[in-house]
């Protein structure tokens, strides 16, 4: 599990140089949401008050408690979703954990606390079965974390070890989150089995030849480059390490440009009708998943109603299945629902190890004046600054195949 970078910070809120996010602690994030209109959330208020009243603003201790609560939320979500998958092709879910092992943390927080999603607030209702709100003074979150891990590993979700890699002939990577875990140690773990890696699916990157749809720096909201997509900028160094490691493999990518808002995303019945329809049409109508999606899309800092990781998950599942794509040749059997030509749509992905840059081709047209004929002076200055950074940054590249997404009445099809 990869944790947010704010869990490593014990200094007051500061903004880094252009495009490199912010430094702030868990306390900054907790207090920011606590001051908003969302005070009616009793579960969150109980957690907030416990943390503040029992730690005397000791940032290191507060960071540790928030980390452990995030662990508890994650375990609950994983187990509930896994239990409610009722299909004959249900896979096994593994979790890598060893007591006393180091934690993996992101190195960048692109959003200011004013705009960052607070997972404790978003999923606070999931803590009911773990936390007695009337007796929080007796809560031992460290003990809770260890017991939850032991229970999970011993029953439904086995521990993932090197043995799991050695006994499998085909390995596929899903890069739909942070690569914080992919340090030198884990790279070495996979090196001896590299020939087993048959395919990689990446969620992220933008087209360099058309106007960017991602948002660049905004004062007290966001401090990232327009061409730095979220999954890649959480830990730019390990993203670059991973790309270099898998550069000779079949890499399939879902660009951010292809991820559109769900149908009727802004309608009054989105949560009751549209979201249900999307889950049912795509055969993922899992009750816990629906409940978690509702929490996610109605959070204090709600995200765009885009199912980012579903697209990369669908592509991954289709690639893994021999009925769909032969990842060694790019060919598709006629029974498949992924359309790939003989070679696929091949393109270069440019990246760096500092800003999280992720550009398909290097045309730089995504920030040219023709797309911004009438823009505020501060935004124009930001685009000019970004262009300078790209020109001065040493970019590496790998070859990938990118996909197109077709949304037919909230039924998704992937085309390569």
Foldseek 3Di string as FASTA:
>chain_A
DEAEQLLVAQDDWDADPFAFAIHHHPLLLLVLVCPDPPVVQLLSVLVSCLLCVPPVSRRNVSSVLLVLVVLVLVLLLVVQLLVQDDDPPRDAAAAADDPPDDHFYFDGDFWFSNQDFDVCQLRSVSCVVPDDSVPNVPDDSVVVNVVSVVVCCVPRHNHDDLVVLVVDQADEEELPAALRVQDPVVLVSCPVVVVRYAEYEHEEFAAQAAAQPADDDDPNTGRRHSQFTHRCQRFLQSSVVVCVSCQVHAYEYEYPVQWDAFPPQPPPCCLPPRLCCLCVLAVNNGPSVSVSLVSQQPGPNHDGRTPRSVVRVVVVVQCPDQQAARSVQRDGHPSHQEAAPRRAAKFKWKGARRSNGTYTDDPNNNLDCVVPVDDDPVVNVSSVVSVVCVVPGDIDIGMHHYWHWDQDSSNIGIYD
